[in-house]
C-alpha atoms as a PDB file:
ATOM      1  CA  MET A   1     135.948  61.768  41.661  1.00  0.00           C
ATOM      2  CA  ALA A   2     134.843  59.244  44.069  1.00  0.00           C
ATOM      3  CA  THR A   3     135.469  61.396  46.876  1.00  0.00           C
ATOM      4  CA  THR A   4     133.307  64.120  45.377  1.00  0.00           C
ATOM      5  CA  THR A   5     130.236  61.734  45.210  1.00  0.00           C
ATOM      6  CA  ALA A   6     130.786  60.509  48.668  1.00  0.00           C
ATOM      7  CA  ASN A   7     130.833  64.141  50.116  1.00  0.00           C
ATOM      8  CA  GLN A   8     127.675  65.153  48.374  1.00  0.00           C
ATOM      9  CA  GLN A   9     125.587  62.357  49.667  1.00  0.00           C
ATOM     10  CA  PRO A  10     125.791  63.509  53.459  1.00  0.00           C
ATOM     11  CA  ASN A  11     124.884  67.146  52.519  1.00  0.00           C
ATOM     12  CA  SER A  12     121.629  66.134  50.849  1.00  0.00           C
ATOM     13  CA  ASP A  13     120.741  63.945  53.951  1.00  0.00           C
ATOM     14  CA  LYS A  14     121.375  66.972  56.005  1.00  0.00           C
ATOM     15  CA  SER A  15     119.211  69.329  53.750  1.00  0.00           C
ATOM     16  CA  GLY A  16     116.292  66.797  53.764  1.00  0.00           C
ATOM     17  CA  GLN A  17     116.448  66.656  57.486  1.00  0.00           C
ATOM     18  CA  THR A  18     116.468  70.398  57.747  1.00  0.00           C
ATOM     19  CA  LYS A  19     113.557  70.615  55.320  1.00  0.00           C
ATOM     20  CA  ARG A  20     111.443  68.010  57.348  1.00  0.00           C
ATOM     21  CA  LEU A  21     112.261  69.755  60.560  1.00  0.00           C
ATOM     22  CA  LEU A  22     111.238  73.100  59.057  1.00  0.00           C
ATOM     23  CA  VAL A  23     107.897  71.484  57.920  1.00  0.00           C
ATOM     24  CA  ILE A  24     107.134  69.964  61.390  1.00  0.00           C
ATOM     25  CA  VAL A  25     107.696  73.360  63.115  1.00  0.00           C
ATOM     26  CA  ALA A  26     105.543  75.142  60.576  1.00  0.00           C
ATOM     27  CA  ILE A  27     102.676  72.494  61.182  1.00  0.00           C
ATOM     28  CA  ALA A  28     103.100  72.981  64.844  1.00  0.00           C
ATOM     29  CA  ILE A  29     102.959  76.584  64.668  1.00  0.00           C
ATOM     30  CA  LEU A  30      99.824  76.630  62.359  1.00  0.00           C
ATOM     31  CA  ALA A  31      98.060  73.921  64.851  1.00  0.00           C
ATOM     32  CA  ALA A  32      98.792  76.221  68.026  1.00  0.00           C
ATOM     33  CA  GLY A  33      97.333  79.329  65.958  1.00  0.00           C
ATOM     34  CA  ALA A  34      94.393  77.547  64.866  1.00  0.00           C
ATOM     35  CA  ALA A  35      93.854  76.284  68.364  1.00  0.00           C
ATOM     36  CA  ALA A  36      94.169  79.665  69.941  1.00  0.00           C
ATOM     37  CA  GLY A  37      92.011  81.428  67.173  1.00  0.00           C
ATOM     38  CA  GLY A  38      89.345  78.477  67.706  1.00  0.00           C
ATOM     39  CA  MET A  39      89.390  79.244  71.300  1.00  0.00           C
ATOM     40  CA  TRP A  40      89.007  82.983  71.004  1.00  0.00           C
ATOM     41  CA  PHE A  41      86.202  82.477  68.317  1.00  0.00           C
ATOM     42  CA  PHE A  42      84.234  80.198  70.623  1.00  0.00           C
ATOM     43  CA  MET A  43      84.644  82.250  73.873  1.00  0.00           C
ATOM     44  CA  GLN A  44      83.513  85.526  72.014  1.00  0.00           C
ATOM     45  CA  GLY A  45      80.509  83.603  70.548  1.00  0.00           C
ATOM     46  CA  ARG A  46      79.254  82.238  74.049  1.00  0.00           C
ATOM     47  CA  THR A  47      79.445  85.669  75.872  1.00  0.00           C
ATOM     48  CA  ALA A  48      77.976  87.880  72.995  1.00  0.00           C
ATOM     49  CA  SER A  49      75.528  86.001  71.048  1.00  0.00           C
ATOM     50  CA  ALA A  50      74.800  82.742  72.722  1.00  0.00           C
ATOM     51  CA  PRO A  51      71.257  81.797  72.372  1.00  0.00           C
ATOM     52  CA  ALA A  52      69.297  82.068  75.641  1.00  0.00           C
ATOM     53  CA  ALA A  53      67.183  79.544  77.273  1.00  0.00           C
ATOM     54  CA  PRO A  54      63.605  80.028  77.483  1.00  0.00           C
ATOM     55  CA  GLY A  55      63.136  82.357  80.697  1.00  0.00           C
ATOM     56  CA  ALA A  56      66.836  83.518  80.611  1.00  0.00           C
ATOM     57  CA  ALA A  57      65.823  86.630  78.929  1.00  0.00           C
ATOM     58  CA  ALA A  58      63.528  87.414  81.778  1.00  0.00           C
ATOM     59  CA  ALA A  59      66.103  86.705  84.423  1.00  0.00           C
ATOM     60  CA  MET A  60      68.604  88.928  82.607  1.00  0.00           C
ATOM     61  CA  ALA A  61      65.906  91.776  82.278  1.00  0.00           C
ATOM     62  CA  ALA A  62      65.246  91.733  86.019  1.00  0.00           C
ATOM     63  CA  PRO A  63      68.293  91.603  88.263  1.00  0.00           C
ATOM     64  CA  SER A  64      68.046  89.453  91.258  1.00  0.00           C
ATOM     65  CA  PRO A  65      67.777  91.441  94.434  1.00  0.00           C
ATOM     66  CA  VAL A  66      70.901  92.224  96.081  1.00  0.00           C
ATOM     67  CA  PRO A  67      71.051  90.516  99.629  1.00  0.00           C
ATOM     68  CA  VAL A  68      71.384  92.585 102.694  1.00  0.00           C
ATOM     69  CA  TYR A  69      73.963  91.810 105.251  1.00  0.00           C
ATOM     70  CA  PHE A  70      73.265  92.502 109.018  1.00  0.00           C
ATOM     71  CA  ALA A  71      76.249  92.179 111.379  1.00  0.00           C
ATOM     72  CA  LEU A  72      75.762  91.463 114.923  1.00  0.00           C
ATOM     73  CA  GLU A  73      78.350  92.661 117.664  1.00  0.00           C
ATOM     74  CA  PRO A  74      80.687  89.786 118.473  1.00  0.00           C
ATOM     75  CA  MET A  75      79.636  87.791 121.482  1.00  0.00           C
ATOM     76  CA  THR A  76      81.502  85.668 124.286  1.00  0.00           C
ATOM     77  CA  VAL A  77      79.791  82.976 125.973  1.00  0.00           C
ATOM     78  CA  ASN A  78      80.716  80.156 128.477  1.00  0.00           C
ATOM     79  CA  LEU A  79      80.486  76.891 127.051  1.00  0.00           C
ATOM     80  CA  GLN A  80      79.191  73.553 128.824  1.00  0.00           C
ATOM     81  CA  ALA A  81      82.329  71.647 130.154  1.00  0.00           C
ATOM     82  CA  ASP A  82      82.403  67.956 131.110  1.00  0.00           C
ATOM     83  CA  ASP A  83      86.009  68.152 131.987  1.00  0.00           C
ATOM     84  CA  GLY A  84      85.752  70.699 134.976  1.00  0.00           C
ATOM     85  CA  GLU A  85      87.570  73.346 132.996  1.00  0.00           C
ATOM     86  CA  THR A  86      85.891  76.542 131.730  1.00  0.00           C
ATOM     87  CA  HIS A  87      85.567  76.813 127.978  1.00  0.00           C
ATOM     88  CA  TYR A  88      84.616  80.055 126.250  1.00  0.00           C
ATOM     89  CA  LEU A  89      83.291  80.822 122.813  1.00  0.00           C
ATOM     90  CA  ARG A  90      83.895  84.059 121.070  1.00  0.00           C
ATOM     91  CA  ILE A  91      81.672  84.290 118.033  1.00  0.00           C
ATOM     92  CA  GLY A  92      80.947  87.046 115.314  1.00  0.00           C
ATOM     93  CA  LEU A  93      77.831  86.619 113.120  1.00  0.00           C
ATOM     94  CA  THR A  94      76.671  88.379 109.911  1.00  0.00           C
ATOM     95  CA  LEU A  95      73.255  87.449 108.678  1.00  0.00           C
ATOM     96  CA  LYS A  96      72.408  87.270 104.942  1.00  0.00           C
ATOM     97  CA  LEU A  97      68.859  88.674 104.775  1.00  0.00           C
ATOM     98  CA  PRO A  98      66.641  88.936 101.608  1.00  0.00           C
ATOM     99  CA  ASN A  99      65.727  92.559 101.774  1.00  0.00           C
ATOM    100  CA  GLN A 100      65.874  95.698 103.754  1.00  0.00           C
ATOM    101  CA  ALA A 101      62.603  95.380 105.481  1.00  0.00           C
ATOM    102  CA  THR A 102      64.094  92.142 107.167  1.00  0.00           C
ATOM    103  CA  GLN A 103      67.029  94.064 108.521  1.00  0.00           C
ATOM    104  CA  ASP A 104      64.808  96.831 109.751  1.00  0.00           C
ATOM    105  CA  MET A 105      62.813  94.238 111.765  1.00  0.00           C
ATOM    106  CA  LEU A 106      65.952  92.399 113.082  1.00  0.00           C
ATOM    107  CA  GLN A 107      67.508  95.903 114.190  1.00  0.00           C
ATOM    108  CA  GLU A 108      64.520  96.751 115.979  1.00  0.00           C
ATOM    109  CA  HIS A 109      64.568  93.525 117.935  1.00  0.00           C
ATOM    110  CA  THR A 110      68.566  93.100 118.198  1.00  0.00           C
ATOM    111  CA  PRO A 111      68.484  92.580 122.072  1.00  0.00           C
ATOM    112  CA  GLU A 112      66.153  89.592 121.635  1.00  0.00           C
ATOM    113  CA  ILE A 113      67.785  88.142 118.869  1.00  0.00           C
ATOM    114  CA  ARG A 114      71.158  88.566 120.764  1.00  0.00           C
ATOM    115  CA  SER A 115      69.703  86.650 123.971  1.00  0.00           C
ATOM    116  CA  ARG A 116      68.202  83.900 121.976  1.00  0.00           C
ATOM    117  CA  VAL A 117      71.920  83.292 120.297  1.00  0.00           C
ATOM    118  CA  LEU A 118      73.572  83.618 123.608  1.00  0.00           C
ATOM    119  CA  LEU A 119      71.131  80.936 125.298  1.00  0.00           C
ATOM    120  CA  ALA A 120      71.643  78.589 122.489  1.00  0.00           C
ATOM    121  CA  LEU A 121      75.425  78.931 122.532  1.00  0.00           C
ATOM    122  CA  SER A 122      75.749  78.648 126.243  1.00  0.00           C
ATOM    123  CA  ASN A 123      74.241  75.148 125.794  1.00  0.00           C
ATOM    124  CA  LYS A 124      76.839  73.843 123.674  1.00  0.00           C
ATOM    125  CA  HIS A 125      80.006  71.673 124.305  1.00  0.00           C
ATOM    126  CA  PRO A 126      83.411  72.615 122.948  1.00  0.00           C
ATOM    127  CA  ALA A 127      83.491  69.030 121.270  1.00  0.00           C
ATOM    128  CA  ASP A 128      80.307  70.153 119.420  1.00  0.00           C
ATOM    129  CA  LEU A 129      81.856  73.080 117.752  1.00  0.00           C
ATOM    130  CA  SER A 130      85.268  71.622 117.013  1.00  0.00           C
ATOM    131  CA  THR A 131      84.588  69.826 113.587  1.00  0.00           C
ATOM    132  CA  LEU A 132      83.315  71.610 110.386  1.00  0.00           C
ATOM    133  CA  ASP A 133      80.016  69.688 110.518  1.00  0.00           C
ATOM    134  CA  GLY A 134      79.452  71.023 113.869  1.00  0.00           C
ATOM    135  CA  LYS A 135      79.924  74.397 112.846  1.00  0.00           C
ATOM    136  CA  ARG A 136      77.466  73.959 109.701  1.00  0.00           C
ATOM    137  CA  ALA A 137      74.878  72.534 112.282  1.00  0.00           C
ATOM    138  CA  LEU A 138      75.348  75.445 114.501  1.00  0.00           C
ATOM    139  CA  ALA A 139      74.834  77.915 111.479  1.00  0.00           C
ATOM    140  CA  THR A 140      71.623  76.177 110.513  1.00  0.00           C
ATOM    141  CA  GLU A 141      70.464  76.001 114.220  1.00  0.00           C
ATOM    142  CA  LEU A 142      70.943  79.741 114.350  1.00  0.00           C
ATOM    143  CA  GLU A 143      69.380  80.587 111.332  1.00  0.00           C
ATOM    144  CA  VAL A 144      66.034  78.889 112.534  1.00  0.00           C
ATOM    145  CA  LEU A 145      66.380  80.282 115.727  1.00  0.00           C
ATOM    146  CA  ILE A 146      66.808  83.792 114.415  1.00  0.00           C
ATOM    147  CA  GLY A 147      64.123  83.423 112.046  1.00  0.00           C
ATOM    148  CA  GLN A 148      61.605  82.691 114.821  1.00  0.00           C
ATOM    149  CA  PRO A 149      58.787  85.454 115.297  1.00  0.00           C
ATOM    150  CA  THR A 150      59.834  88.282 117.713  1.00  0.00           C
ATOM    151  CA  GLU A 151      56.167  89.142 118.702  1.00  0.00           C
ATOM    152  CA  PRO A 152      53.184  86.915 119.601  1.00  0.00           C
ATOM    153  CA  ARG A 153      51.493  85.725 116.444  1.00  0.00           C
ATOM    154  CA  GLY A 154      54.400  87.546 114.398  1.00  0.00           C
ATOM    155  CA  VAL A 155      55.444  86.491 111.069  1.00  0.00           C
ATOM    156  CA  PRO A 156      58.707  84.339 111.112  1.00  0.00           C
ATOM    157  CA  LEU A 157      61.682  86.271 109.384  1.00  0.00           C
ATOM    158  CA  ARG A 158      63.656  84.931 106.549  1.00  0.00           C
ATOM    159  CA  VAL A 159      67.330  84.425 107.193  1.00  0.00           C
ATOM    160  CA  ASP A 160      69.131  83.336 104.054  1.00  0.00           C
ATOM    161  CA  ASP A 161      72.460  82.356 105.754  1.00  0.00           C
ATOM    162  CA  VAL A 162      74.358  82.849 108.925  1.00  0.00           C
ATOM    163  CA  LEU A 163      77.975  83.768 108.384  1.00  0.00           C
ATOM    164  CA  PHE A 164      80.820  83.529 110.865  1.00  0.00           C
ATOM    165  CA  THR A 165      83.069  86.339 110.980  1.00  0.00           C
ATOM    166  CA  GLU A 166      84.637  85.258 114.379  1.00  0.00           C
ATOM    167  CA  PHE A 167      84.941  81.890 115.825  1.00  0.00           C
ATOM    168  CA  VAL A 168      87.224  81.218 118.580  1.00  0.00           C
ATOM    169  CA  VAL A 169      86.939  78.245 121.142  1.00  0.00           C
ATOM    170  CA  GLN A 170      89.042  78.247 124.166  1.00  0.00           C
END
Protein backbone atom coordinates (compact mmCIF):
# COMPACT_ATOMS: atom_id res chain seq x y z
CA MET A 1 0.00 0.00 0.00
CA ALA A 2 2.85 2.35 0.62
CA THR A 3 3.87 2.03 -2.99
CA THR A 4 0.42 2.98 -4.24
CA THR A 5 0.31 6.22 -2.26
CA ALA A 6 3.76 7.20 -3.46
CA ASN A 7 2.76 6.62 -7.10
CA GLN A 8 -0.35 8.80 -6.86
CA GLN A 9 1.42 11.94 -5.61
CA PRO A 10 3.49 12.56 -8.76
CA ASN A 11 0.39 12.19 -10.96
CA SER A 12 -1.52 14.79 -8.96
CA ASP A 13 1.42 17.25 -9.32
CA LYS A 14 1.54 16.60 -13.05
CA SER A 15 -2.18 17.17 -13.50
CA GLY A 16 -1.94 20.40 -11.43
CA GLN A 17 0.89 21.67 -13.64
CA THR A 18 -1.09 20.79 -16.76
CA LYS A 19 -4.17 22.65 -15.50
CA ARG A 20 -2.04 25.67 -14.59
CA LEU A 21 -0.43 25.63 -18.06
CA LEU A 22 -3.85 25.41 -19.73
CA VAL A 23 -5.11 28.36 -17.70
CA ILE A 24 -2.06 30.45 -18.64
CA VAL A 25 -2.44 29.57 -22.33
CA ALA A 26 -6.17 30.40 -22.21
CA ILE A 27 -5.46 33.78 -20.59
CA ALA A 28 -2.79 34.57 -23.20
CA ILE A 29 -5.17 33.72 -26.05
CA LEU A 30 -7.95 35.84 -24.53
CA ALA A 31 -5.56 38.77 -24.02
CA ALA A 32 -4.32 38.58 -27.63
CA GLY A 33 -7.90 38.40 -28.90
CA ALA A 34 -8.93 41.36 -26.77
CA ALA A 35 -5.96 43.41 -28.01
CA ALA A 36 -6.74 42.59 -31.64
CA GLY A 37 -10.44 43.34 -31.17
CA GLY A 38 -9.70 46.63 -29.41
CA MET A 39 -7.31 47.67 -32.14
CA TRP A 40 -9.85 46.88 -34.85
CA PHE A 41 -12.60 48.73 -32.95
CA PHE A 42 -10.52 51.88 -32.49
CA MET A 43 -9.24 51.88 -36.06
CA GLN A 44 -12.78 51.57 -37.41
CA GLY A 45 -14.01 54.33 -35.14
CA ARG A 46 -11.30 56.78 -36.20
CA THR A 47 -11.84 56.38 -39.93
CA ALA A 48 -15.64 56.28 -39.96
CA SER A 49 -16.90 58.45 -37.12
CA ALA A 50 -14.03 60.51 -35.78
CA PRO A 51 -15.21 63.94 -34.64
CA ALA A 52 -13.99 66.55 -37.08
CA ALA A 53 -12.11 69.60 -35.93
CA PRO A 54 -13.70 72.97 -36.71
CA GLY A 55 -13.04 73.82 -40.33
CA ALA A 56 -12.11 70.24 -41.19
CA ALA A 57 -15.55 69.60 -42.68
CA ALA A 58 -15.04 72.50 -45.08
CA ALA A 59 -11.66 71.11 -46.06
CA MET A 60 -13.20 67.71 -46.71
CA ALA A 61 -16.02 69.21 -48.77
CA ALA A 62 -13.71 71.19 -51.07
CA PRO A 63 -10.85 69.02 -52.31
CA SER A 64 -7.51 70.73 -52.56
CA PRO A 65 -6.46 71.66 -56.06
CA VAL A 66 -4.46 69.01 -57.86
CA PRO A 67 -0.95 70.26 -58.63
CA VAL A 68 0.18 70.53 -62.21
CA TYR A 69 3.59 69.20 -63.20
CA PHE A 70 5.58 70.76 -66.03
CA ALA A 71 8.64 68.88 -67.27
CA LEU A 72 11.49 70.76 -68.89
CA GLU A 73 13.66 68.90 -71.36
CA PRO A 74 16.96 67.71 -69.83
CA MET A 75 19.84 70.16 -70.14
CA THR A 76 23.60 69.71 -70.26
CA VAL A 77 25.83 72.56 -69.19
CA ASN A 78 29.54 73.19 -68.56
CA LEU A 79 30.37 73.94 -64.95
CA GLN A 80 32.98 76.33 -63.57
CA ALA A 81 36.16 74.43 -62.76
CA ASP A 82 39.09 75.51 -60.62
CA ASP A 83 41.15 72.40 -61.34
CA GLY A 84 41.56 73.03 -65.08
CA GLU A 85 39.38 70.06 -66.05
CA THR A 86 36.08 70.30 -67.87
CA HIS A 87 33.04 69.37 -65.76
CA TYR A 88 29.50 68.88 -67.02
CA LEU A 89 26.10 68.83 -65.40
CA ARG A 90 23.22 66.94 -66.96
CA ILE A 91 20.00 67.97 -65.27
CA GLY A 92 16.33 67.23 -65.77
CA LEU A 93 13.72 69.37 -64.04
CA THR A 94 10.02 69.02 -63.37
CA LEU A 95 8.21 72.00 -61.92
CA LYS A 96 5.30 71.63 -59.51
CA LEU A 97 2.84 74.41 -60.29
CA PRO A 98 -0.37 75.52 -58.58
CA ASN A 99 -2.62 75.52 -61.66
CA GLN A 100 -2.96 75.09 -65.40
CA ALA A 101 -2.75 78.84 -66.08
CA THR A 102 0.78 78.92 -64.66
CA GLN A 103 1.75 75.98 -66.85
CA ASP A 104 0.36 77.72 -69.92
CA MET A 105 2.38 80.84 -69.11
CA LEU A 106 5.56 78.79 -68.67
CA GLN A 107 4.86 76.89 -71.89
CA GLU A 108 4.67 80.18 -73.80
CA HIS A 109 8.00 81.34 -72.31
CA THR A 110 9.92 78.04 -72.22
CA PRO A 111 12.94 79.32 -74.23
CA GLU A 112 13.42 82.21 -71.81
CA ILE A 113 13.03 79.94 -68.76
CA ARG A 114 15.56 77.44 -70.17
CA SER A 115 18.00 80.27 -70.87
CA ARG A 116 17.72 81.55 -67.29
CA VAL A 117 18.29 78.05 -65.90
CA LEU A 118 21.27 77.37 -68.19
CA LEU A 119 22.94 80.67 -67.28
CA ALA A 120 22.46 80.03 -63.57
CA LEU A 121 23.79 76.46 -63.81
CA SER A 122 26.85 77.40 -65.88
CA ASN A 123 27.97 79.62 -63.02
CA LYS A 124 28.10 76.71 -60.51
CA HIS A 125 31.12 74.72 -59.34
CA PRO A 126 31.00 70.91 -59.09
CA ALA A 127 31.73 71.13 -55.35
CA ASP A 128 28.63 73.32 -54.88
CA LEU A 129 26.44 70.56 -56.28
CA SER A 130 28.02 67.51 -54.67
CA THR A 131 26.22 67.72 -51.31
CA LEU A 132 22.55 67.29 -50.50
CA ASP A 133 22.43 70.81 -49.08
CA GLY A 134 23.94 72.13 -52.31
CA LYS A 135 21.24 70.42 -54.35
CA ARG A 136 18.50 71.77 -52.09
CA ALA A 137 19.95 75.28 -52.35
CA LEU A 138 20.01 74.93 -56.14
CA ALA A 139 16.36 73.85 -56.18
CA THR A 140 15.40 76.89 -54.10
CA GLU A 141 17.46 79.19 -56.32
CA LEU A 142 15.86 77.79 -59.48
CA GLU A 143 12.38 78.12 -57.95
CA VAL A 144 12.95 81.85 -57.41
CA LEU A 145 14.63 82.28 -60.80
CA ILE A 146 11.86 80.55 -62.75
CA GLY A 147 9.17 82.45 -60.85
CA GLN A 148 10.50 85.85 -61.95
CA PRO A 149 8.25 87.71 -64.39
CA THR A 150 8.89 86.93 -68.03
CA GLU A 151 7.51 90.23 -69.30
CA PRO A 152 8.27 93.81 -68.29
CA ARG A 153 5.91 94.79 -65.47
CA GLY A 154 4.72 91.19 -65.44
CA VAL A 155 3.41 89.29 -62.48
CA PRO A 156 5.77 86.81 -60.82
CA LEU A 157 4.82 83.19 -61.36
CA ARG A 158 4.28 80.85 -58.44
CA VAL A 159 6.38 77.69 -58.58
CA ASP A 160 5.57 75.35 -55.69
CA ASP A 161 8.63 73.13 -56.08
CA VAL A 162 11.51 72.26 -58.38
CA LEU A 163 11.99 68.51 -58.67
CA PHE A 164 15.12 66.91 -60.10
CA THR A 165 14.44 64.07 -62.50
CA GLU A 166 18.07 63.80 -63.65
CA PHE A 167 21.21 65.01 -61.91
CA VAL A 168 24.62 63.91 -63.15
CA VAL A 169 27.86 65.81 -62.48
CA GLN A 170 30.85 64.63 -64.47
